[in-house]
């Protein structure tokens, strides 16, 4: 074997070349790290390993879960959804929640915009995105909980914190729907909030409450709250202090009702009723819930999930602008709105 000596100048050039090479590698690694930091909060790869892989035939999935003494849960998510990421990171990192999910439920994942074939309980074959439209999925994540006959006994529209999710899981796992509504169960078991009172706001209309719409008048935003509600506290403390949210609220008649109260009112359809009866008729389960009505007294949209100020502002804009009439997908509206705001130089941060 012949080993040739490397001249000192060549060795120096070699080491300089190696330094340049390592510098390039370092810069590439930093760029990759920065790209990861800016990547969407959620992707399909984040779905937990204990989710079931099925043919998405809901007839079979419901039956298979029941055979094992469990209940089916259908999860709808979408790529880049930060609330989905929060569900995975905050809720599905809790050992007790994961244990309950694995012990009492069979979970399947669907993509809000997906093209995989699904078979609904009536035998209808649709793509994932077509099924999502049929089921009225407007927020991600959405979780549907089925009983042994394929009835949806609980539905979580959007993200809910771990404490609330524990209650819903306990209710469904114990077949609580046979004894009481989910709303009554949550009201009886939810921990009291720190504020303990309804917040007052200058944009809230005062009683007596006549919720009928007049020709040419503003649309109605009906807000249901409870005194002991941490999410209500957050909404008033953060979202309702923002100028953009206030400006959009000014385009509505905003009426706040205490969920479960005997407050007398005239409903949008002209019936004389109470806040409690109207909330029950509308199927209000969570506080806060915003229900929007158009000029014909029909429900146009509702927000019955945890949202940060950006999504609340987007919901108000969705109804106030009339976009809900032509764009049935709230998610598409949000994406277009965020893109427009960025083009106008705005800073779109959904967590602020």
Protein backbone atom coordinates (compact mmCIF):
# COMPACT_ATOMS: atom_id res chain seq x y z
CA UNK A 1 0.00 0.00 0.00
CA UNK A 2 1.36 3.38 -0.94
CA UNK A 3 0.39 6.38 1.13
CA UNK A 4 1.13 9.71 -0.40
CA UNK A 5 1.91 12.57 1.90
CA UNK A 6 -0.50 15.53 1.62
CA UNK A 7 1.33 18.82 1.20
CA UNK A 8 0.72 21.27 4.06
CA UNK A 9 -1.01 23.77 1.75
CA UNK A 10 -3.29 21.05 0.38
CA UNK A 11 -4.10 19.90 3.92
CA UNK A 12 -4.96 23.48 4.87
CA UNK A 13 -7.29 23.76 1.87
CA UNK A 14 -8.84 20.42 2.78
CA UNK A 15 -9.61 21.58 6.34
CA UNK A 16 -11.00 24.88 5.07
CA UNK A 17 -13.19 22.93 2.65
CA UNK A 18 -14.38 20.71 5.46
CA UNK A 19 -15.22 23.75 7.59
CA UNK A 20 -17.21 25.23 4.72
CA UNK A 21 -19.00 21.91 4.27
CA UNK A 22 -19.90 21.69 7.97
CA UNK A 23 -21.05 25.32 7.88
CA UNK A 24 -23.39 24.49 5.00
CA UNK A 25 -24.70 21.45 6.89
CA UNK A 26 -25.25 23.57 10.01
CA UNK A 27 -27.15 26.20 8.04
CA UNK A 28 -29.31 23.49 6.46
CA UNK A 29 -30.06 22.02 9.87
CA UNK A 30 -30.99 25.45 11.21
CA UNK A 31 -33.24 26.04 8.23
CA UNK A 32 -34.91 22.68 8.80
CA UNK A 33 -35.39 23.48 12.48
CA UNK A 34 -36.94 26.83 11.59
CA UNK A 35 -39.22 25.15 9.07
CA UNK A 36 -40.29 22.65 11.72
CA UNK A 37 -40.99 25.48 14.15
CA UNK A 38 -43.28 27.10 11.59
CA UNK A 39 -44.91 23.85 10.46
CA UNK A 40 -48.62 23.29 10.99
CA UNK A 41 -49.61 22.33 14.51
CA UNK A 42 -51.16 19.05 13.42
CA UNK A 43 -50.76 16.43 10.75
CA UNK A 44 -52.28 13.02 10.18
CA UNK A 45 -49.12 11.43 11.56
CA UNK A 46 -50.02 12.85 14.99
CA UNK A 47 -53.04 10.54 15.34
CA UNK A 48 -52.35 8.23 18.33
CA UNK A 49 -51.35 4.65 17.62
CA UNK A 50 -54.36 3.34 19.53
CA UNK A 51 -56.82 4.74 16.97
CA UNK A 52 -58.34 1.91 14.93
CA UNK A 53 -57.67 1.36 11.24
CA UNK A 54 -60.97 0.36 9.64
CA UNK A 55 -62.69 0.48 6.27
CA UNK A 56 -64.75 3.42 7.62
CA UNK A 57 -67.95 1.42 7.30
CA UNK A 58 -69.85 2.86 10.25
CA UNK A 59 -72.25 -0.09 10.34
CA UNK A 60 -69.35 -2.47 10.91
CA UNK A 61 -67.45 -0.12 13.22
CA UNK A 62 -70.43 0.43 15.51
CA UNK A 63 -71.15 -3.31 15.61
CA UNK A 64 -67.51 -4.28 16.21
CA UNK A 65 -67.18 -1.78 19.05
CA UNK A 66 -70.43 -3.01 20.65
CA UNK A 67 -69.29 -6.61 20.38
CA UNK A 68 -66.28 -5.70 22.53
CA UNK A 69 -68.40 -3.77 25.02
CA UNK A 70 -67.20 -0.42 23.67
CA UNK A 71 -68.61 2.57 21.81
CA UNK A 72 -67.45 4.13 18.56
CA UNK A 73 -65.89 7.60 18.42
CA UNK A 74 -65.41 9.33 15.07
CA UNK A 75 -62.78 12.08 15.00
CA UNK A 76 -62.75 14.70 12.23
CA UNK A 77 -59.53 16.70 11.85
CA UNK A 78 -57.63 18.56 9.17
CA UNK A 79 -54.00 19.16 8.28
CA UNK A 80 -52.54 22.23 9.98
CA UNK A 81 -55.35 22.52 12.55
CA UNK A 82 -53.87 23.98 15.76
CA UNK A 83 -56.89 22.95 17.82
CA UNK A 84 -56.40 19.37 16.62
CA UNK A 85 -52.78 19.67 17.67
CA UNK A 86 -53.90 20.90 21.07
CA UNK A 87 -56.23 17.92 21.43
CA UNK A 88 -53.36 15.54 20.65
CA UNK A 89 -50.80 17.34 22.82
CA UNK A 90 -52.91 18.34 25.82
CA UNK A 91 -55.73 15.80 26.02
CA UNK A 92 -54.28 12.66 24.50
CA UNK A 93 -51.15 13.05 26.60
CA UNK A 94 -53.20 12.50 29.78
CA UNK A 95 -52.87 8.91 30.91
CA UNK A 96 -56.36 8.69 32.39
CA UNK A 97 -57.98 10.04 29.20
CA UNK A 98 -56.02 7.60 27.04
CA UNK A 99 -56.88 4.70 29.39
CA UNK A 100 -60.59 5.59 29.21
CA UNK A 101 -60.46 5.90 25.43
CA UNK A 102 -58.79 2.51 25.05
CA UNK A 103 -60.95 0.78 27.65
CA UNK A 104 -64.38 2.10 26.64
CA UNK A 105 -64.15 3.34 23.06
CA UNK A 106 -62.97 2.52 19.56
CA UNK A 107 -61.72 5.68 17.86
CA UNK A 108 -61.46 6.20 14.11
CA UNK A 109 -59.99 9.25 12.39
CA UNK A 110 -61.38 11.05 9.35
CA UNK A 111 -60.03 13.96 7.33
CA UNK A 112 -62.34 16.95 6.88
CA UNK A 113 -61.08 17.28 3.29
CA UNK A 114 -60.31 13.60 2.71
CA UNK A 115 -61.25 11.46 -0.29
CA UNK A 116 -61.31 8.04 1.38
CA UNK A 117 -64.56 6.16 0.92
CA UNK A 118 -66.91 5.93 3.91
CA UNK A 119 -70.13 3.99 4.36
CA UNK A 120 -72.70 5.63 6.61
CA UNK A 121 -75.17 3.78 8.81
CA UNK A 122 -77.84 3.82 6.12
CA UNK A 123 -75.45 2.28 3.60
CA UNK A 124 -74.75 5.52 1.72
CA UNK A 125 -71.22 5.65 0.34
CA UNK A 126 -69.49 9.04 0.45
CA UNK A 127 -66.01 10.49 0.60
CA UNK A 128 -64.77 11.76 3.95
CA UNK A 129 -65.29 15.38 2.92
CA UNK A 130 -68.80 14.65 1.62
CA UNK A 131 -69.67 12.91 4.90
CA UNK A 132 -68.31 15.89 6.83
CA UNK A 133 -70.60 18.18 4.84
CA UNK A 134 -73.57 15.89 5.45
CA UNK A 135 -72.88 15.86 9.20
CA UNK A 136 -72.43 19.62 9.32
CA UNK A 137 -68.84 19.51 10.55
CA UNK A 138 -67.77 23.17 10.82
CA UNK A 139 -65.05 23.00 13.46
CA UNK A 140 -62.04 20.77 13.88
CA UNK A 141 -61.53 18.74 15.87
CA UNK A 142 -65.06 17.34 16.05
CA UNK A 143 -65.76 14.13 17.96
CA UNK A 144 -68.94 12.09 17.46
CA UNK A 145 -69.83 9.46 20.07
CA UNK A 146 -72.14 6.62 18.97
CA UNK A 147 -74.25 4.21 20.96
CA UNK A 148 -74.69 0.54 20.09
CA UNK A 149 -77.48 1.31 17.59
CA UNK A 150 -75.52 3.97 15.76
CA UNK A 151 -77.17 6.99 17.35
CA UNK A 152 -74.94 9.97 18.10
CA UNK A 153 -75.29 10.41 21.87
CA UNK A 154 -72.70 13.17 22.28
CA UNK A 155 -70.87 15.55 20.00
CA UNK A 156 -67.88 17.76 20.70
CA UNK A 157 -67.66 20.55 18.12
CA UNK A 158 -64.14 21.89 18.36
CA UNK A 159 -61.56 21.62 21.08
CA UNK A 160 -62.53 21.11 24.73
CA UNK A 161 -60.02 21.14 27.60
CA UNK A 162 -59.08 17.87 29.35
CA UNK A 163 -61.35 18.45 32.37
CA UNK A 164 -64.43 18.86 30.17
CA UNK A 165 -63.44 15.93 27.98
CA UNK A 166 -63.13 13.66 31.02
CA UNK A 167 -66.73 14.45 31.93
CA UNK A 168 -68.00 13.72 28.41
CA UNK A 169 -66.09 10.42 28.26
CA UNK A 170 -67.49 9.39 31.64
CA UNK A 171 -71.02 10.29 30.55
CA UNK A 172 -70.88 8.32 27.31
CA UNK A 173 -68.99 5.34 28.75
CA UNK A 174 -71.63 4.98 31.50
CA UNK A 175 -74.52 5.24 29.00
CA UNK A 176 -75.54 8.45 30.72
CA UNK A 177 -77.90 9.42 27.90
CA UNK A 178 -80.41 6.93 29.33
CA UNK A 179 -80.68 9.02 32.50
CA UNK A 180 -80.14 12.68 31.62
CA UNK A 181 -79.00 15.01 28.87
CA UNK A 182 -75.34 15.75 28.47
CA UNK A 183 -76.03 19.40 29.28
CA UNK A 184 -77.62 18.51 32.63
CA UNK A 185 -74.78 16.11 33.41
CA UNK A 186 -72.11 18.72 32.71
CA UNK A 187 -73.98 21.32 34.73
CA UNK A 188 -74.13 18.95 37.69
CA UNK A 189 -70.49 17.88 37.56
CA UNK A 190 -68.56 20.88 36.21
CA UNK A 191 -66.25 22.58 38.67
CA UNK A 192 -67.22 26.14 39.60
CA UNK A 193 -65.30 28.98 38.02
CA UNK A 194 -63.46 31.67 39.91
CA UNK A 195 -65.52 34.66 38.73
CA UNK A 196 -68.90 33.27 39.74
CA UNK A 197 -71.04 35.93 38.05
CA UNK A 198 -72.24 36.97 34.62
CA UNK A 199 -70.12 39.67 33.01
CA UNK A 200 -71.70 42.90 31.85
CA UNK A 201 -70.82 44.45 28.49
CA UNK A 202 -71.91 47.73 26.88
CA UNK A 203 -72.97 45.97 23.66
CA UNK A 204 -75.45 43.63 25.39
CA UNK A 205 -79.12 44.54 24.94
CA UNK A 206 -81.20 45.01 28.08
CA UNK A 207 -84.51 43.32 28.96
CA UNK A 208 -87.28 42.90 28.11
CA UNK A 209 -86.01 40.60 25.38
CA UNK A 210 -87.93 40.51 22.12
CA UNK A 211 -85.81 38.41 19.78
CA UNK A 212 -88.00 38.81 16.70
CA UNK A 213 -86.23 40.36 13.74
CA UNK A 214 -87.44 43.45 11.92
CA UNK A 215 -87.02 44.10 8.21
CA UNK A 216 -83.72 45.85 7.59
CA UNK A 217 -82.59 45.26 11.15
CA UNK A 218 -79.40 43.70 12.45
CA UNK A 219 -78.95 39.94 12.69
CA UNK A 220 -79.30 38.47 16.18
CA UNK A 221 -76.39 37.03 18.16
CA UNK A 222 -77.80 35.07 21.08
CA UNK A 223 -75.18 34.38 23.74
CA UNK A 224 -75.78 31.67 26.35
CA UNK A 225 -73.58 31.79 29.44
CA UNK A 226 -73.52 30.60 33.04
CA UNK A 227 -72.10 32.37 36.09
CA UNK A 228 -69.59 29.58 36.78
CA UNK A 229 -67.82 29.34 33.44
CA UNK A 230 -64.07 29.75 32.96
CA UNK A 231 -64.44 29.83 29.16
CA UNK A 232 -66.97 32.67 29.53
CA UNK A 233 -64.52 34.55 31.74
CA UNK A 234 -61.79 34.14 29.13
CA UNK A 235 -64.05 35.29 26.30
CA UNK A 236 -64.97 38.50 28.14
CA UNK A 237 -61.43 39.09 29.37
CA UNK A 238 -59.69 38.57 26.03
CA UNK A 239 -61.93 38.35 22.95
CA UNK A 240 -64.42 41.07 23.94
CA UNK A 241 -61.59 43.51 24.65
CA UNK A 242 -60.30 43.40 21.07
CA UNK A 243 -61.14 46.25 18.71
CA UNK A 244 -61.83 43.96 15.74
CA UNK A 245 -64.22 41.81 17.76
CA UNK A 246 -66.00 44.89 19.14
CA UNK A 247 -66.40 46.33 15.65
CA UNK A 248 -67.96 43.10 14.40
CA UNK A 249 -70.23 42.79 17.44
CA UNK A 250 -71.60 46.25 16.64
CA UNK A 251 -73.15 44.74 13.50
CA UNK A 252 -75.42 42.52 15.63
CA UNK A 253 -78.11 42.80 18.23
CA UNK A 254 -76.40 40.86 21.01
CA UNK A 255 -78.59 39.32 23.69
CA UNK A 256 -77.03 37.38 26.55
CA UNK A 257 -79.10 34.80 28.42
CA UNK A 258 -78.17 32.82 31.49
CA UNK A 259 -78.48 29.16 30.52
CA UNK A 260 -81.14 27.55 32.70
CA UNK A 261 -82.64 30.84 33.93
CA UNK A 262 -86.35 31.60 34.01
CA UNK A 263 -85.84 34.91 32.18
CA UNK A 264 -88.99 35.66 30.13
CA UNK A 265 -88.55 36.52 26.46
CA UNK A 266 -90.11 36.45 23.02
CA UNK A 267 -88.29 33.89 20.86
CA UNK A 268 -87.15 34.67 17.30
CA UNK A 269 -90.22 32.84 15.97
CA UNK A 270 -92.56 34.95 18.14
CA UNK A 271 -93.30 32.42 20.88
CA UNK A 272 -93.32 33.58 24.48
CA UNK A 273 -90.93 31.43 26.43
CA UNK A 274 -88.01 31.50 28.88
CA UNK A 275 -84.24 31.36 28.55
CA UNK A 276 -84.23 27.85 29.97
CA UNK A 277 -86.90 26.57 27.57
CA UNK A 278 -85.28 28.26 24.56
CA UNK A 279 -81.86 26.87 25.46
CA UNK A 280 -83.37 23.40 25.74
CA UNK A 281 -85.22 23.75 22.43
CA UNK A 282 -82.00 24.83 20.71
CA UNK A 283 -80.06 21.95 22.26
CA UNK A 284 -77.59 24.21 24.04
CA UNK A 285 -75.13 22.08 26.00
CA UNK A 286 -72.05 24.23 26.57
CA UNK A 287 -71.34 27.69 27.87
CA UNK A 288 -70.55 29.96 26.22
CA UNK A 289 -72.55 29.26 23.06
CA UNK A 290 -73.31 31.87 20.41
CA UNK A 291 -76.30 31.23 18.14
CA UNK A 292 -76.82 33.53 15.17
CA UNK A 293 -80.25 34.07 13.58
CA UNK A 294 -80.99 35.65 10.22
CA UNK A 295 -83.79 38.06 9.41
CA UNK A 296 -86.25 35.18 8.92
CA UNK A 297 -85.68 33.89 12.49
CA UNK A 298 -83.78 30.86 11.20
CA UNK A 299 -80.54 29.79 12.79
CA UNK A 300 -77.66 30.81 10.52
CA UNK A 301 -74.66 29.53 12.47
CA UNK A 302 -73.52 28.72 15.97
CA UNK A 303 -70.30 28.63 17.94
CA UNK A 304 -70.55 26.05 20.70
CA UNK A 305 -66.91 25.27 21.18
CA UNK A 306 -63.76 26.71 22.68
CA UNK A 307 -62.38 29.37 20.33
CA UNK A 308 -59.71 32.02 20.63
CA UNK A 309 -60.41 35.63 19.56
CA UNK A 310 -59.39 35.14 15.91
CA UNK A 311 -61.91 32.36 15.39
CA UNK A 312 -64.59 34.29 17.28
CA UNK A 313 -63.99 37.31 15.04
CA UNK A 314 -64.11 35.03 12.00
CA UNK A 315 -67.44 33.59 13.16
CA UNK A 316 -68.91 37.07 13.56
CA UNK A 317 -67.58 38.08 10.14
CA UNK A 318 -68.93 34.86 8.59
CA UNK A 319 -72.49 35.81 9.58
CA UNK A 320 -72.30 39.63 9.42
CA UNK A 321 -70.90 39.58 5.89
CA UNK A 322 -73.53 37.09 4.73
CA UNK A 323 -70.77 34.70 3.62
CA UNK A 324 -72.56 31.78 5.26
CA UNK A 325 -75.22 31.97 2.53
CA UNK A 326 -72.78 31.20 -0.28
CA UNK A 327 -69.96 29.38 1.51
CA UNK A 328 -71.32 26.49 3.58
CA UNK A 329 -67.85 25.57 4.87
CA UNK A 330 -66.76 27.76 7.76
CA UNK A 331 -63.25 26.31 7.50
CA UNK A 332 -62.88 27.49 3.90
CA UNK A 333 -64.12 30.92 4.94
CA UNK A 334 -61.50 31.08 7.72
CA UNK A 335 -58.71 30.11 5.34
CA UNK A 336 -59.74 32.75 2.79
CA UNK A 337 -60.15 35.39 5.50
CA UNK A 338 -56.73 34.66 6.99
CA UNK A 339 -55.11 34.85 3.54
CA UNK A 340 -56.81 38.18 2.85
CA UNK A 341 -55.71 39.63 6.18
CA UNK A 342 -52.11 38.56 5.52
CA UNK A 343 -52.20 40.14 2.06
CA UNK A 344 -53.37 43.36 3.70
CA UNK A 345 -50.37 43.26 6.03
CA UNK A 346 -52.21 41.95 9.04
CA UNK A 347 -50.71 39.58 11.59
CA UNK A 348 -52.83 36.45 11.77
CA UNK A 349 -52.26 34.70 15.08
CA UNK A 350 -55.16 32.47 16.03
CA UNK A 351 -53.98 32.09 19.62
CA UNK A 352 -54.07 35.81 20.39
